[in-house]
Amino acid sequence: MSGSLHDYKYWLAFVVEGACVLRYDNAAGKGDHRHWDQTEERYVSTDIDRLVADFFNDVSRWRDEHSHN
């Protein structure tokens, strides 16, 4: 994958009320990165297990920050 240090392609998204609020992906030419609301930043993926764990940790963090309790 161009821009990544590995050969796998991924796209993980957390969608709330029809809007993608969190996404991890490695689009061609961009390499590994994540989108948090409207912000895009580089993400260093070490392996698949860490990628999935980081994604779900961010889902929990997003939910905590946006809870209306």
PDB file of N, CA and C in Angstrom:
ATOM      1  N   MET A   1       0.860  -1.180   0.000  1.00  0.00           N
ATOM      2  CA  MET A   1       0.000   0.000   0.000  1.00  0.00           C
ATOM      3  C   MET A   1       0.899   1.233   0.000  1.00  0.00           C
ATOM      4  N   SER A   2       0.730   2.067  -0.965  1.00  0.00           N
ATOM      5  CA  SER A   2       1.534   3.278  -1.074  1.00  0.00           C
ATOM      6  C   SER A   2       1.342   4.165   0.151  1.00  0.00           C
ATOM      7  N   GLY A   3       2.460   4.537   0.785  1.00  0.00           N
ATOM      8  CA  GLY A   3       2.392   5.397   1.959  1.00  0.00           C
ATOM      9  C   GLY A   3       2.280   4.656   3.273  1.00  0.00           C
ATOM     10  N   SER A   4       2.111   3.339   3.236  1.00  0.00           N
ATOM     11  CA  SER A   4       2.013   2.530   4.447  1.00  0.00           C
ATOM     12  C   SER A   4       3.221   1.604   4.535  1.00  0.00           C
ATOM     13  N   LEU A   5       3.524   1.162   5.741  1.00  0.00           N
ATOM     14  CA  LEU A   5       4.643   0.256   5.949  1.00  0.00           C
ATOM     15  C   LEU A   5       4.196  -1.205   5.969  1.00  0.00           C
ATOM     16  N   HIS A   6       3.006  -1.498   5.476  1.00  0.00           N
ATOM     17  CA  HIS A   6       2.448  -2.855   5.472  1.00  0.00           C
ATOM     18  C   HIS A   6       1.672  -3.043   4.172  1.00  0.00           C
ATOM     19  N   ASP A   7       1.191  -4.264   3.951  1.00  0.00           N
ATOM     20  CA  ASP A   7       0.507  -4.585   2.697  1.00  0.00           C
ATOM     21  C   ASP A   7      -1.013  -4.667   2.812  1.00  0.00           C
ATOM     22  N   TYR A   8      -1.594  -4.408   3.975  1.00  0.00           N
ATOM     23  CA  TYR A   8      -3.037  -4.539   4.078  1.00  0.00           C
ATOM     24  C   TYR A   8      -3.747  -3.206   3.871  1.00  0.00           C
ATOM     25  N   LYS A   9      -4.956  -3.314   3.357  1.00  0.00           N
ATOM     26  CA  LYS A   9      -5.828  -2.170   3.099  1.00  0.00           C
ATOM     27  C   LYS A   9      -6.938  -2.201   4.135  1.00  0.00           C
ATOM     28  N   TYR A  10      -7.243  -1.061   4.749  1.00  0.00           N
ATOM     29  CA  TYR A  10      -8.310  -1.042   5.741  1.00  0.00           C
ATOM     30  C   TYR A  10      -9.081   0.269   5.693  1.00  0.00           C
ATOM     31  N   TRP A  11     -10.294   0.209   6.236  1.00  0.00           N
ATOM     32  CA  TRP A  11     -11.175   1.358   6.340  1.00  0.00           C
ATOM     33  C   TRP A  11     -12.141   1.034   7.470  1.00  0.00           C
ATOM     34  N   LEU A  12     -11.944   1.626   8.633  1.00  0.00           N
ATOM     35  CA  LEU A  12     -12.807   1.421   9.796  1.00  0.00           C
ATOM     36  C   LEU A  12     -13.546   2.719  10.061  1.00  0.00           C
ATOM     37  N   ALA A  13     -14.855   2.638  10.207  1.00  0.00           N
ATOM     38  CA  ALA A  13     -15.639   3.863  10.389  1.00  0.00           C
ATOM     39  C   ALA A  13     -16.635   3.700  11.524  1.00  0.00           C
ATOM     40  N   PHE A  14     -16.814   4.781  12.283  1.00  0.00           N
ATOM     41  CA  PHE A  14     -17.836   4.874  13.321  1.00  0.00           C
ATOM     42  C   PHE A  14     -18.799   5.961  12.873  1.00  0.00           C
ATOM     43  N   VAL A  15     -20.048   5.566  12.636  1.00  0.00           N
ATOM     44  CA  VAL A  15     -21.050   6.472  12.077  1.00  0.00           C
ATOM     45  C   VAL A  15     -22.140   6.709  13.118  1.00  0.00           C
ATOM     46  N   VAL A  16     -22.461   7.977  13.339  1.00  0.00           N
ATOM     47  CA  VAL A  16     -23.493   8.369  14.299  1.00  0.00           C
ATOM     48  C   VAL A  16     -24.531   9.203  13.568  1.00  0.00           C
ATOM     49  N   GLU A  17     -25.778   8.753  13.623  1.00  0.00           N
ATOM     50  CA  GLU A  17     -26.892   9.462  12.978  1.00  0.00           C
ATOM     51  C   GLU A  17     -26.563   9.828  11.534  1.00  0.00           C
ATOM     52  N   GLY A  18     -25.971   8.885  10.817  1.00  0.00           N
ATOM     53  CA  GLY A  18     -25.681   9.072   9.395  1.00  0.00           C
ATOM     54  C   GLY A  18     -24.402   9.829   9.082  1.00  0.00           C
ATOM     55  N   ALA A  19     -23.681  10.288  10.086  1.00  0.00           N
ATOM     56  CA  ALA A  19     -22.438  11.041   9.867  1.00  0.00           C
ATOM     57  C   ALA A  19     -21.246  10.231  10.374  1.00  0.00           C
ATOM     58  N   CYS A  20     -20.207  10.150   9.556  1.00  0.00           N
ATOM     59  CA  CYS A  20     -18.978   9.477   9.961  1.00  0.00           C
ATOM     60  C   CYS A  20     -18.214  10.419  10.884  1.00  0.00           C
ATOM     61  N   VAL A  21     -18.096  10.035  12.158  1.00  0.00           N
ATOM     62  CA  VAL A  21     -17.445  10.897  13.148  1.00  0.00           C
ATOM     63  C   VAL A  21     -16.031  10.430  13.477  1.00  0.00           C
ATOM     64  N   LEU A  22     -15.698   9.187  13.089  1.00  0.00           N
ATOM     65  CA  LEU A  22     -14.372   8.634  13.337  1.00  0.00           C
ATOM     66  C   LEU A  22     -14.065   7.634  12.238  1.00  0.00           C
ATOM     67  N   ARG A  23     -12.892   7.763  11.636  1.00  0.00           N
ATOM     68  CA  ARG A  23     -12.511   6.814  10.590  1.00  0.00           C
ATOM     69  C   ARG A  23     -11.004   6.611  10.614  1.00  0.00           C
ATOM     70  N   TYR A  24     -10.598   5.372  10.522  1.00  0.00           N
ATOM     71  CA  TYR A  24      -9.199   4.989  10.338  1.00  0.00           C
ATOM     72  C   TYR A  24      -9.105   4.393   8.942  1.00  0.00           C
ATOM     73  N   ASP A  25      -8.156   4.856   8.143  1.00  0.00           N
ATOM     74  CA  ASP A  25      -7.980   4.259   6.827  1.00  0.00           C
ATOM     75  C   ASP A  25      -6.577   4.517   6.308  1.00  0.00           C
ATOM     76  N   ASN A  26      -6.271   3.903   5.188  1.00  0.00           N
ATOM     77  CA  ASN A  26      -4.975   4.112   4.552  1.00  0.00           C
ATOM     78  C   ASN A  26      -5.185   4.280   3.048  1.00  0.00           C
ATOM     79  N   ALA A  27      -5.816   5.368   2.703  1.00  0.00           N
ATOM     80  CA  ALA A  27      -6.082   5.691   1.304  1.00  0.00           C
ATOM     81  C   ALA A  27      -4.773   5.748   0.526  1.00  0.00           C
ATOM     82  N   ALA A  28      -4.826   5.296  -0.707  1.00  0.00           N
ATOM     83  CA  ALA A  28      -3.639   5.294  -1.560  1.00  0.00           C
ATOM     84  C   ALA A  28      -3.011   6.682  -1.607  1.00  0.00           C
ATOM     85  N   GLY A  29      -1.708   6.727  -1.406  1.00  0.00           N
ATOM     86  CA  GLY A  29      -0.982   7.981  -1.447  1.00  0.00           C
ATOM     87  C   GLY A  29      -0.965   8.747  -0.139  1.00  0.00           C
ATOM     88  N   LYS A  30      -1.861   8.414   0.792  1.00  0.00           N
ATOM     89  CA  LYS A  30      -1.927   9.107   2.082  1.00  0.00           C
ATOM     90  C   LYS A  30      -1.301   8.291   3.194  1.00  0.00           C
ATOM     91  N   GLY A  31      -1.312   6.995   3.066  1.00  0.00           N
ATOM     92  CA  GLY A  31      -0.820   6.138   4.137  1.00  0.00           C
ATOM     93  C   GLY A  31      -1.803   6.068   5.288  1.00  0.00           C
ATOM     94  N   ASP A  32      -1.344   5.535   6.398  1.00  0.00           N
ATOM     95  CA  ASP A  32      -2.199   5.347   7.570  1.00  0.00           C
ATOM     96  C   ASP A  32      -2.549   6.698   8.195  1.00  0.00           C
ATOM     97  N   HIS A  33      -3.842   6.897   8.441  1.00  0.00           N
ATOM     98  CA  HIS A  33      -4.291   8.126   9.092  1.00  0.00           C
ATOM     99  C   HIS A  33      -5.681   7.906   9.681  1.00  0.00           C
ATOM    100  N   ARG A  34      -6.104   8.857  10.518  1.00  0.00           N
ATOM    101  CA  ARG A  34      -7.443   8.788  11.085  1.00  0.00           C
ATOM    102  C   ARG A  34      -8.133  10.139  10.947  1.00  0.00           C
ATOM    103  N   HIS A  35      -9.442  10.070  10.920  1.00  0.00           N
ATOM    104  CA  HIS A  35     -10.297  11.253  10.874  1.00  0.00           C
ATOM    105  C   HIS A  35     -11.089  11.261  12.179  1.00  0.00           C
ATOM    106  N   TRP A  36     -10.989  12.344  12.911  1.00  0.00           N
ATOM    107  CA  TRP A  36     -11.746  12.525  14.160  1.00  0.00           C
ATOM    108  C   TRP A  36     -12.599  13.759  13.952  1.00  0.00           C
ATOM    109  N   ASP A  37     -13.917  13.557  13.835  1.00  0.00           N
ATOM    110  CA  ASP A  37     -14.823  14.634  13.438  1.00  0.00           C
ATOM    111  C   ASP A  37     -14.277  15.263  12.153  1.00  0.00           C
ATOM    112  N   GLN A  38     -13.882  16.510  12.159  1.00  0.00           N
ATOM    113  CA  GLN A  38     -13.410  17.174  10.937  1.00  0.00           C
ATOM    114  C   GLN A  38     -11.885  17.215  10.820  1.00  0.00           C
ATOM    115  N   THR A  39     -11.178  16.584  11.760  1.00  0.00           N
ATOM    116  CA  THR A  39      -9.720  16.633  11.778  1.00  0.00           C
ATOM    117  C   THR A  39      -9.132  15.350  11.197  1.00  0.00           C
ATOM    118  N   GLU A  40      -8.091  15.484  10.384  1.00  0.00           N
ATOM    119  CA  GLU A  40      -7.370  14.340   9.845  1.00  0.00           C
ATOM    120  C   GLU A  40      -5.941  14.396  10.364  1.00  0.00           C
ATOM    121  N   GLU A  41      -5.439  13.251  10.849  1.00  0.00           N
ATOM    122  CA  GLU A  41      -4.074  13.207  11.358  1.00  0.00           C
ATOM    123  C   GLU A  41      -3.426  11.872  11.031  1.00  0.00           C
ATOM    124  N   ARG A  42      -2.122  11.864  10.984  1.00  0.00           N
ATOM    125  CA  ARG A  42      -1.370  10.648  10.704  1.00  0.00           C
ATOM    126  C   ARG A  42      -1.576   9.660  11.836  1.00  0.00           C
ATOM    127  N   TYR A  43      -1.640   8.404  11.489  1.00  0.00           N
ATOM    128  CA  TYR A  43      -1.759   7.325  12.464  1.00  0.00           C
ATOM    129  C   TYR A  43      -0.728   6.266  12.096  1.00  0.00           C
ATOM    130  N   VAL A  44       0.049   5.813  13.044  1.00  0.00           N
ATOM    131  CA  VAL A  44       1.043   4.776  12.786  1.00  0.00           C
ATOM    132  C   VAL A  44       0.460   3.435  13.213  1.00  0.00           C
ATOM    133  N   SER A  45       0.218   2.586  12.237  1.00  0.00           N
ATOM    134  CA  SER A  45      -0.339   1.260  12.495  1.00  0.00           C
ATOM    135  C   SER A  45       0.797   0.268  12.676  1.00  0.00           C
ATOM    136  N   THR A  46       0.844  -0.396  13.843  1.00  0.00           N
ATOM    137  CA  THR A  46       1.910  -1.362  14.102  1.00  0.00           C
ATOM    138  C   THR A  46       1.505  -2.772  13.688  1.00  0.00           C
ATOM    139  N   ASP A  47       0.247  -3.141  13.919  1.00  0.00           N
ATOM    140  CA  ASP A  47      -0.273  -4.439  13.480  1.00  0.00           C
ATOM    141  C   ASP A  47      -1.800  -4.387  13.543  1.00  0.00           C
ATOM    142  N   ILE A  48      -2.438  -5.402  13.005  1.00  0.00           N
ATOM    143  CA  ILE A  48      -3.905  -5.422  12.910  1.00  0.00           C
ATOM    144  C   ILE A  48      -4.563  -5.360  14.291  1.00  0.00           C
ATOM    145  N   ASP A  49      -4.063  -6.142  15.241  1.00  0.00           N
ATOM    146  CA  ASP A  49      -4.666  -6.143  16.581  1.00  0.00           C
ATOM    147  C   ASP A  49      -4.596  -4.766  17.223  1.00  0.00           C
ATOM    148  N   ARG A  50      -3.464  -4.087  17.105  1.00  0.00           N
ATOM    149  CA  ARG A  50      -3.308  -2.745  17.676  1.00  0.00           C
ATOM    150  C   ARG A  50      -4.226  -1.765  16.951  1.00  0.00           C
ATOM    151  N   LEU A  51      -4.346  -1.878  15.634  1.00  0.00           N
ATOM    152  CA  LEU A  51      -5.229  -1.020  14.845  1.00  0.00           C
ATOM    153  C   LEU A  51      -6.667  -1.125  15.344  1.00  0.00           C
ATOM    154  N   VAL A  52      -7.159  -2.337  15.482  1.00  0.00           N
ATOM    155  CA  VAL A  52      -8.545  -2.541  15.928  1.00  0.00           C
ATOM    156  C   VAL A  52      -8.726  -2.043  17.361  1.00  0.00           C
ATOM    157  N   ALA A  53      -7.772  -2.323  18.235  1.00  0.00           N
ATOM    158  CA  ALA A  53      -7.858  -1.856  19.624  1.00  0.00           C
ATOM    159  C   ALA A  53      -7.863  -0.331  19.685  1.00  0.00           C
ATOM    160  N   ASP A  54      -6.981   0.318  18.925  1.00  0.00           N
ATOM    161  CA  ASP A  54      -6.940   1.791  18.911  1.00  0.00           C
ATOM    162  C   ASP A  54      -8.252   2.362  18.407  1.00  0.00           C
ATOM    163  N   PHE A  55      -8.812   1.753  17.355  1.00  0.00           N
ATOM    164  CA  PHE A  55     -10.080   2.228  16.808  1.00  0.00           C
ATOM    165  C   PHE A  55     -11.185   2.153  17.864  1.00  0.00           C
ATOM    166  N   PHE A  56     -11.329   1.002  18.512  1.00  0.00           N
ATOM    167  CA  PHE A  56     -12.405   0.859  19.500  1.00  0.00           C
ATOM    168  C   PHE A  56     -12.155   1.694  20.751  1.00  0.00           C
ATOM    169  N   ASN A  57     -10.906   1.925  21.110  1.00  0.00           N
ATOM    170  CA  ASN A  57     -10.615   2.854  22.205  1.00  0.00           C
ATOM    171  C   ASN A  57     -11.064   4.263  21.832  1.00  0.00           C
ATOM    172  N   ASP A  58     -10.839   4.659  20.584  1.00  0.00           N
ATOM    173  CA  ASP A  58     -11.290   5.978  20.138  1.00  0.00           C
ATOM    174  C   ASP A  58     -12.811   6.059  20.054  1.00  0.00           C
ATOM    175  N   VAL A  59     -13.473   4.968  19.689  1.00  0.00           N
ATOM    176  CA  VAL A  59     -14.949   4.950  19.697  1.00  0.00           C
ATOM    177  C   VAL A  59     -15.436   5.217  21.119  1.00  0.00           C
ATOM    178  N   SER A  60     -14.854   4.532  22.097  1.00  0.00           N
ATOM    179  CA  SER A  60     -15.245   4.748  23.505  1.00  0.00           C
ATOM    180  C   SER A  60     -14.967   6.178  23.935  1.00  0.00           C
ATOM    181  N   ARG A  61     -13.812   6.695  23.553  1.00  0.00           N
ATOM    182  CA  ARG A  61     -13.460   8.077  23.904  1.00  0.00           C
ATOM    183  C   ARG A  61     -14.444   9.062  23.269  1.00  0.00           C
ATOM    184  N   TRP A  62     -14.784   8.850  21.998  1.00  0.00           N
ATOM    185  CA  TRP A  62     -15.729   9.742  21.315  1.00  0.00           C
ATOM    186  C   TRP A  62     -17.071   9.719  22.047  1.00  0.00           C
ATOM    187  N   ARG A  63     -17.537   8.515  22.382  1.00  0.00           N
ATOM    188  CA  ARG A  63     -18.824   8.389  23.102  1.00  0.00           C
ATOM    189  C   ARG A  63     -18.775   9.114  24.444  1.00  0.00           C
ATOM    190  N   ASP A  64     -17.675   8.946  25.183  1.00  0.00           N
ATOM    191  CA  ASP A  64     -17.529   9.624  26.475  1.00  0.00           C
ATOM    192  C   ASP A  64     -17.568  11.139  26.312  1.00  0.00           C
ATOM    193  N   GLU A  65     -16.866  11.658  25.310  1.00  0.00           N
ATOM    194  CA  GLU A  65     -16.795  13.109  25.090  1.00  0.00           C
ATOM    195  C   GLU A  65     -18.099  13.696  24.570  1.00  0.00           C
ATOM    196  N   HIS A  66     -18.940  12.854  23.952  1.00  0.00           N
ATOM    197  CA  HIS A  66     -20.170  13.362  23.360  1.00  0.00           C
ATOM    198  C   HIS A  66     -21.427  12.873  24.069  1.00  0.00           C
ATOM    199  N   SER A  67     -21.268  12.296  25.247  1.00  0.00           N
ATOM    200  CA  SER A  67     -22.445  11.834  25.988  1.00  0.00           C
ATOM    201  C   SER A  67     -23.184  13.050  26.525  1.00  0.00           C
ATOM    202  N   HIS A  68     -24.472  12.932  26.588  1.00  0.00           N
ATOM    203  CA  HIS A  68     -25.314  14.055  27.022  1.00  0.00           C
ATOM    204  C   HIS A  68     -25.998  13.737  28.349  1.00  0.00           C
ATOM    205  N   ASN A  69     -25.315  12.990  29.196  1.00  0.00           N
ATOM    206  CA  ASN A  69     -25.885  12.611  30.506  1.00  0.00           C
ATOM    207  C   ASN A  69     -25.678  13.703  31.518  1.00  0.00           C
TER     208      ASN A  69
END
